[in-house]
Amino acid sequence: MMITTADVTDRKGAIDMVSYYRECTDNLSQIKKMLVDGGYTGQNFADAIKEITGAEVEVVKRNELHTFAVLPKRWILERSFGWLDKCRRLWKNAERLLHNSSQMFSLAFIRVILGRF
């Protein structure tokens, strides 16, 4: 998880996040495939991720608008967003500092994990 300012595109932010965590930990070398949303399409993004982690990028897209179809593996992404929607503090971005926003997301996921025990 990485929070950036609004002038950073999603693809650039994802590449920056993967680069940052690659320097901090060696756990990214175990990743074989990254599931991403339709906003991360493009060969440049896939090549950058492949170069940094060695992982293959799989884009999970919606087929058509206004029709319901269960897409394999998309529920994994949507489930995480659903968990975050239960945290009232994250509904609006009221934080002035990026560090505070990052802490709120961490607390939200800690709440989800503690709720399982």
N, C-alpha and C. Protein backbone atom coordinates (compact mmCIF):
# COMPACT_ATOMS: atom_id res chain seq x y z
N MET A 1 0.84 -1.16 0.00
CA MET A 1 0.00 0.00 0.00
C MET A 1 0.89 1.23 0.00
N MET A 2 0.54 2.17 -0.86
CA MET A 2 1.28 3.43 -0.92
C MET A 2 0.30 4.53 -1.30
N ILE A 3 0.36 5.63 -0.63
CA ILE A 3 -0.51 6.76 -0.91
C ILE A 3 0.33 7.88 -1.50
N THR A 4 -0.17 8.45 -2.60
CA THR A 4 0.55 9.52 -3.28
C THR A 4 -0.37 10.72 -3.43
N THR A 5 0.19 11.80 -3.94
CA THR A 5 -0.62 12.97 -4.22
C THR A 5 -1.44 12.73 -5.48
N ALA A 6 -2.40 13.61 -5.75
CA ALA A 6 -3.33 13.41 -6.86
C ALA A 6 -2.67 13.57 -8.22
N ASP A 7 -1.50 14.19 -8.30
CA ASP A 7 -0.87 14.39 -9.60
C ASP A 7 -0.06 13.19 -10.08
N VAL A 8 -0.02 12.12 -9.31
CA VAL A 8 0.68 10.89 -9.69
C VAL A 8 -0.34 9.92 -10.27
N THR A 9 -0.10 9.44 -11.48
CA THR A 9 -1.03 8.49 -12.09
C THR A 9 -0.98 7.15 -11.37
N ASP A 10 -2.03 6.36 -11.55
CA ASP A 10 -2.10 5.05 -10.89
C ASP A 10 -0.96 4.15 -11.32
N ARG A 11 -0.67 4.13 -12.61
CA ARG A 11 0.41 3.26 -13.11
C ARG A 11 1.76 3.67 -12.54
N LYS A 12 2.03 4.97 -12.55
CA LYS A 12 3.31 5.47 -12.01
C LYS A 12 3.40 5.20 -10.52
N GLY A 13 2.30 5.41 -9.81
CA GLY A 13 2.28 5.13 -8.38
C GLY A 13 2.52 3.66 -8.06
N ALA A 14 1.94 2.78 -8.89
CA ALA A 14 2.14 1.34 -8.67
C ALA A 14 3.59 0.94 -8.92
N ILE A 15 4.17 1.50 -9.96
CA ILE A 15 5.58 1.21 -10.25
C ILE A 15 6.47 1.73 -9.12
N ASP A 16 6.18 2.94 -8.62
CA ASP A 16 6.95 3.50 -7.51
C ASP A 16 6.80 2.65 -6.25
N MET A 17 5.56 2.17 -5.99
CA MET A 17 5.32 1.34 -4.81
C MET A 17 6.10 0.03 -4.89
N VAL A 18 6.06 -0.62 -6.04
CA VAL A 18 6.76 -1.89 -6.20
C VAL A 18 8.27 -1.67 -6.08
N SER A 19 8.77 -0.59 -6.66
CA SER A 19 10.21 -0.27 -6.54
C SER A 19 10.61 -0.03 -5.10
N TYR A 20 9.77 0.72 -4.38
CA TYR A 20 10.06 1.02 -2.97
C TYR A 20 10.12 -0.25 -2.14
N TYR A 21 9.10 -1.11 -2.29
CA TYR A 21 9.07 -2.33 -1.49
C TYR A 21 10.13 -3.33 -1.93
N ARG A 22 10.55 -3.25 -3.16
CA ARG A 22 11.64 -4.12 -3.63
C ARG A 22 12.94 -3.79 -2.89
N GLU A 23 13.15 -2.49 -2.64
CA GLU A 23 14.35 -2.07 -1.91
C GLU A 23 14.25 -2.40 -0.43
N CYS A 24 13.05 -2.40 0.12
CA CYS A 24 12.86 -2.61 1.57
C CYS A 24 12.87 -4.09 1.96
N THR A 25 12.37 -4.96 1.09
CA THR A 25 12.21 -6.36 1.47
C THR A 25 12.50 -7.26 0.28
N ASP A 26 12.75 -8.50 0.56
CA ASP A 26 13.02 -9.48 -0.50
C ASP A 26 11.79 -10.32 -0.81
N ASN A 27 10.66 -10.05 -0.15
CA ASN A 27 9.46 -10.86 -0.34
C ASN A 27 8.85 -10.74 -1.73
N LEU A 28 9.15 -9.66 -2.45
CA LEU A 28 8.56 -9.50 -3.78
C LEU A 28 9.12 -10.50 -4.79
N SER A 29 10.24 -11.09 -4.50
CA SER A 29 10.80 -12.06 -5.44
C SER A 29 9.97 -13.34 -5.50
N GLN A 30 9.10 -13.56 -4.53
CA GLN A 30 8.25 -14.74 -4.50
C GLN A 30 6.98 -14.58 -5.33
N ILE A 31 6.68 -13.37 -5.76
CA ILE A 31 5.46 -13.12 -6.53
C ILE A 31 5.64 -13.64 -7.95
N LYS A 32 4.67 -14.40 -8.39
CA LYS A 32 4.70 -14.94 -9.75
C LYS A 32 3.77 -14.18 -10.69
N LYS A 33 2.62 -13.71 -10.15
CA LYS A 33 1.64 -13.03 -10.97
C LYS A 33 0.97 -11.94 -10.14
N MET A 34 0.80 -10.76 -10.75
CA MET A 34 0.10 -9.65 -10.10
C MET A 34 -1.24 -9.47 -10.77
N LEU A 35 -2.32 -9.46 -9.99
CA LEU A 35 -3.65 -9.19 -10.50
C LEU A 35 -3.90 -7.69 -10.38
N VAL A 36 -4.24 -7.05 -11.48
CA VAL A 36 -4.47 -5.61 -11.48
C VAL A 36 -5.81 -5.30 -12.14
N ASP A 37 -6.31 -4.11 -11.87
CA ASP A 37 -7.57 -3.64 -12.43
C ASP A 37 -7.35 -3.15 -13.86
N GLY A 38 -8.42 -2.83 -14.56
CA GLY A 38 -8.35 -2.40 -15.95
C GLY A 38 -7.59 -1.09 -16.15
N GLY A 39 -7.40 -0.31 -15.10
CA GLY A 39 -6.67 0.94 -15.22
C GLY A 39 -5.18 0.76 -15.38
N TYR A 40 -4.69 -0.44 -15.24
CA TYR A 40 -3.26 -0.71 -15.31
C TYR A 40 -2.87 -1.43 -16.59
N THR A 41 -3.67 -1.29 -17.63
CA THR A 41 -3.34 -1.92 -18.91
C THR A 41 -2.17 -1.21 -19.56
N GLY A 42 -1.53 -1.89 -20.45
CA GLY A 42 -0.42 -1.29 -21.18
C GLY A 42 0.84 -2.12 -21.05
N GLN A 43 1.55 -2.23 -22.14
CA GLN A 43 2.77 -3.03 -22.16
C GLN A 43 3.89 -2.38 -21.37
N ASN A 44 3.94 -1.05 -21.34
CA ASN A 44 4.99 -0.37 -20.58
C ASN A 44 4.89 -0.69 -19.09
N PHE A 45 3.66 -0.69 -18.56
CA PHE A 45 3.45 -1.02 -17.15
C PHE A 45 3.85 -2.47 -16.88
N ALA A 46 3.40 -3.38 -17.73
CA ALA A 46 3.72 -4.80 -17.54
C ALA A 46 5.22 -5.04 -17.62
N ASP A 47 5.89 -4.37 -18.54
CA ASP A 47 7.34 -4.53 -18.67
C ASP A 47 8.08 -3.99 -17.45
N ALA A 48 7.61 -2.85 -16.92
CA ALA A 48 8.26 -2.26 -15.75
C ALA A 48 8.12 -3.18 -14.53
N ILE A 49 6.94 -3.75 -14.34
CA ILE A 49 6.72 -4.66 -13.21
C ILE A 49 7.54 -5.92 -13.40
N LYS A 50 7.60 -6.42 -14.62
CA LYS A 50 8.39 -7.63 -14.90
C LYS A 50 9.86 -7.39 -14.61
N GLU A 51 10.35 -6.21 -14.95
CA GLU A 51 11.75 -5.87 -14.71
C GLU A 51 12.06 -5.75 -13.22
N ILE A 52 11.14 -5.17 -12.46
CA ILE A 52 11.38 -4.95 -11.04
C ILE A 52 11.23 -6.23 -10.23
N THR A 53 10.14 -6.98 -10.47
CA THR A 53 9.86 -8.14 -9.63
C THR A 53 10.01 -9.47 -10.33
N GLY A 54 9.95 -9.47 -11.65
CA GLY A 54 9.96 -10.73 -12.38
C GLY A 54 8.59 -11.37 -12.46
N ALA A 55 7.55 -10.63 -12.03
CA ALA A 55 6.19 -11.17 -12.01
C ALA A 55 5.45 -10.81 -13.28
N GLU A 56 4.53 -11.67 -13.65
CA GLU A 56 3.67 -11.43 -14.79
C GLU A 56 2.47 -10.60 -14.33
N VAL A 57 2.01 -9.68 -15.16
CA VAL A 57 0.86 -8.83 -14.84
C VAL A 57 -0.37 -9.39 -15.54
N GLU A 58 -1.43 -9.65 -14.77
CA GLU A 58 -2.70 -10.11 -15.33
C GLU A 58 -3.76 -9.06 -15.05
N VAL A 59 -4.34 -8.51 -16.11
CA VAL A 59 -5.38 -7.49 -15.98
C VAL A 59 -6.73 -8.18 -15.92
N VAL A 60 -7.51 -7.90 -14.86
CA VAL A 60 -8.84 -8.45 -14.70
C VAL A 60 -9.82 -7.34 -15.04
N LYS A 61 -10.41 -7.42 -16.23
CA LYS A 61 -11.29 -6.37 -16.72
C LYS A 61 -12.75 -6.79 -16.67
N ARG A 62 -13.61 -5.77 -16.65
CA ARG A 62 -15.04 -6.02 -16.83
C ARG A 62 -15.30 -6.22 -18.31
N ASN A 63 -16.24 -7.09 -18.63
CA ASN A 63 -16.54 -7.35 -20.05
C ASN A 63 -17.37 -6.23 -20.66
N GLU A 64 -18.54 -5.98 -20.11
CA GLU A 64 -19.43 -4.97 -20.65
C GLU A 64 -20.06 -4.20 -19.51
N LEU A 65 -20.41 -2.97 -19.79
CA LEU A 65 -21.13 -2.18 -18.80
C LEU A 65 -22.60 -2.60 -18.77
N HIS A 66 -23.24 -2.42 -17.65
CA HIS A 66 -24.66 -2.67 -17.45
C HIS A 66 -25.05 -4.14 -17.59
N THR A 67 -24.10 -5.03 -17.53
CA THR A 67 -24.40 -6.46 -17.49
C THR A 67 -23.60 -7.07 -16.35
N PHE A 68 -24.19 -8.03 -15.69
CA PHE A 68 -23.51 -8.68 -14.58
C PHE A 68 -22.93 -10.00 -15.04
N ALA A 69 -21.67 -10.17 -14.78
CA ALA A 69 -21.01 -11.44 -15.06
C ALA A 69 -19.92 -11.63 -14.00
N VAL A 70 -19.87 -12.81 -13.44
CA VAL A 70 -18.85 -13.09 -12.45
C VAL A 70 -17.52 -13.28 -13.18
N LEU A 71 -16.56 -12.46 -12.84
CA LEU A 71 -15.25 -12.55 -13.46
C LEU A 71 -14.29 -13.24 -12.51
N PRO A 72 -13.53 -14.19 -13.00
CA PRO A 72 -12.60 -14.89 -12.13
C PRO A 72 -11.59 -13.93 -11.51
N LYS A 73 -11.38 -14.07 -10.24
CA LYS A 73 -10.36 -13.36 -9.46
C LYS A 73 -10.66 -11.88 -9.22
N ARG A 74 -11.66 -11.31 -9.88
CA ARG A 74 -11.97 -9.89 -9.65
C ARG A 74 -12.54 -9.69 -8.25
N TRP A 75 -13.19 -10.69 -7.70
CA TRP A 75 -13.77 -10.57 -6.37
C TRP A 75 -12.70 -10.31 -5.32
N ILE A 76 -11.48 -10.75 -5.57
CA ILE A 76 -10.39 -10.53 -4.62
C ILE A 76 -10.13 -9.03 -4.48
N LEU A 77 -10.11 -8.32 -5.60
CA LEU A 77 -9.91 -6.88 -5.57
C LEU A 77 -11.09 -6.17 -4.93
N GLU A 78 -12.30 -6.53 -5.35
CA GLU A 78 -13.50 -5.86 -4.86
C GLU A 78 -13.74 -6.13 -3.38
N ARG A 79 -13.36 -7.30 -2.90
CA ARG A 79 -13.54 -7.62 -1.49
C ARG A 79 -12.71 -6.69 -0.61
N SER A 80 -11.49 -6.41 -1.03
CA SER A 80 -10.63 -5.51 -0.25
C SER A 80 -11.22 -4.11 -0.18
N PHE A 81 -11.75 -3.61 -1.30
CA PHE A 81 -12.38 -2.30 -1.30
C PHE A 81 -13.64 -2.31 -0.43
N GLY A 82 -14.37 -3.41 -0.41
CA GLY A 82 -15.55 -3.53 0.43
C GLY A 82 -15.20 -3.46 1.90
N TRP A 83 -14.10 -4.07 2.29
CA TRP A 83 -13.66 -3.98 3.68
C TRP A 83 -13.36 -2.54 4.08
N LEU A 84 -12.71 -1.81 3.17
CA LEU A 84 -12.36 -0.42 3.47
C LEU A 84 -13.58 0.49 3.52
N ASP A 85 -14.64 0.14 2.78
CA ASP A 85 -15.85 0.97 2.79
C ASP A 85 -16.53 1.00 4.14
N LYS A 86 -16.26 0.02 4.98
CA LYS A 86 -16.87 -0.01 6.31
C LYS A 86 -16.21 0.98 7.28
N CYS A 87 -15.09 1.55 6.89
CA CYS A 87 -14.39 2.49 7.76
C CYS A 87 -14.82 3.91 7.41
N ARG A 88 -15.56 4.51 8.31
CA ARG A 88 -16.15 5.82 8.06
C ARG A 88 -15.10 6.89 7.80
N ARG A 89 -13.96 6.78 8.43
CA ARG A 89 -12.90 7.80 8.29
C ARG A 89 -12.34 7.84 6.88
N LEU A 90 -12.46 6.75 6.13
CA LEU A 90 -11.90 6.70 4.78
C LEU A 90 -12.89 7.14 3.71
N TRP A 91 -14.15 7.43 4.08
CA TRP A 91 -15.13 7.82 3.08
C TRP A 91 -14.77 9.12 2.40
N LYS A 92 -14.24 10.06 3.16
CA LYS A 92 -13.81 11.33 2.60
C LYS A 92 -12.35 11.53 2.97
N ASN A 93 -11.62 12.14 2.09
CA ASN A 93 -10.21 12.38 2.36
C ASN A 93 -10.06 13.69 3.12
N ALA A 94 -10.10 13.61 4.44
CA ALA A 94 -10.03 14.80 5.28
C ALA A 94 -8.63 15.02 5.83
N GLU A 95 -7.71 14.14 5.52
CA GLU A 95 -6.35 14.25 6.07
C GLU A 95 -5.55 15.26 5.26
N ARG A 96 -4.73 16.03 5.94
CA ARG A 96 -3.90 17.02 5.25
C ARG A 96 -2.55 16.45 4.84
N LEU A 97 -2.08 15.43 5.53
CA LEU A 97 -0.76 14.86 5.26
C LEU A 97 -0.90 13.44 4.72
N LEU A 98 -0.03 13.09 3.77
CA LEU A 98 -0.06 11.73 3.22
C LEU A 98 0.21 10.69 4.29
N HIS A 99 1.07 11.02 5.23
CA HIS A 99 1.42 10.08 6.29
C HIS A 99 0.18 9.72 7.12
N ASN A 100 -0.67 10.70 7.39
CA ASN A 100 -1.89 10.43 8.16
C ASN A 100 -2.85 9.54 7.38
N SER A 101 -2.97 9.77 6.07
CA SER A 101 -3.83 8.92 5.25
C SER A 101 -3.33 7.48 5.24
N SER A 102 -2.04 7.32 5.14
CA SER A 102 -1.45 5.99 5.16
C SER A 102 -1.73 5.28 6.48
N GLN A 103 -1.64 6.01 7.57
CA GLN A 103 -1.93 5.42 8.88
C GLN A 103 -3.39 4.99 8.99
N MET A 104 -4.30 5.76 8.42
CA MET A 104 -5.72 5.41 8.48
C MET A 104 -6.00 4.12 7.70
N PHE A 105 -5.35 3.95 6.54
CA PHE A 105 -5.52 2.71 5.79
C PHE A 105 -4.93 1.53 6.55
N SER A 106 -3.79 1.73 7.18
CA SER A 106 -3.19 0.64 7.97
C SER A 106 -4.11 0.25 9.12
N LEU A 107 -4.66 1.24 9.81
CA LEU A 107 -5.58 0.95 10.91
C LEU A 107 -6.84 0.24 10.41
N ALA A 108 -7.31 0.59 9.23
CA ALA A 108 -8.49 -0.06 8.68
C ALA A 108 -8.23 -1.54 8.42
N PHE A 109 -7.08 -1.86 7.85
CA PHE A 109 -6.77 -3.27 7.60
C PHE A 109 -6.45 -4.02 8.89
N ILE A 110 -5.86 -3.35 9.87
CA ILE A 110 -5.64 -3.99 11.18
C ILE A 110 -6.99 -4.33 11.81
N ARG A 111 -7.96 -3.43 11.67
CA ARG A 111 -9.30 -3.68 12.19
C ARG A 111 -9.91 -4.92 11.53
N VAL A 112 -9.71 -5.07 10.23
CA VAL A 112 -10.25 -6.23 9.51
C VAL A 112 -9.59 -7.51 10.03
N ILE A 113 -8.28 -7.48 10.20
CA ILE A 113 -7.56 -8.67 10.67
C ILE A 113 -7.95 -9.03 12.09
N LEU A 114 -8.05 -8.04 12.97
CA LEU A 114 -8.44 -8.31 14.36
C LEU A 114 -9.88 -8.82 14.46
N GLY A 115 -10.71 -8.42 13.53
CA GLY A 115 -12.08 -8.90 13.53
C GLY A 115 -12.21 -10.38 13.23
N ARG A 116 -11.18 -10.97 12.69
CA ARG A 116 -11.21 -12.40 12.36
C ARG A 116 -10.83 -13.28 13.54
N PHE A 117 -10.32 -12.69 14.60
CA PHE A 117 -9.90 -13.52 15.75
C PHE A 117 -10.89 -13.47 16.87
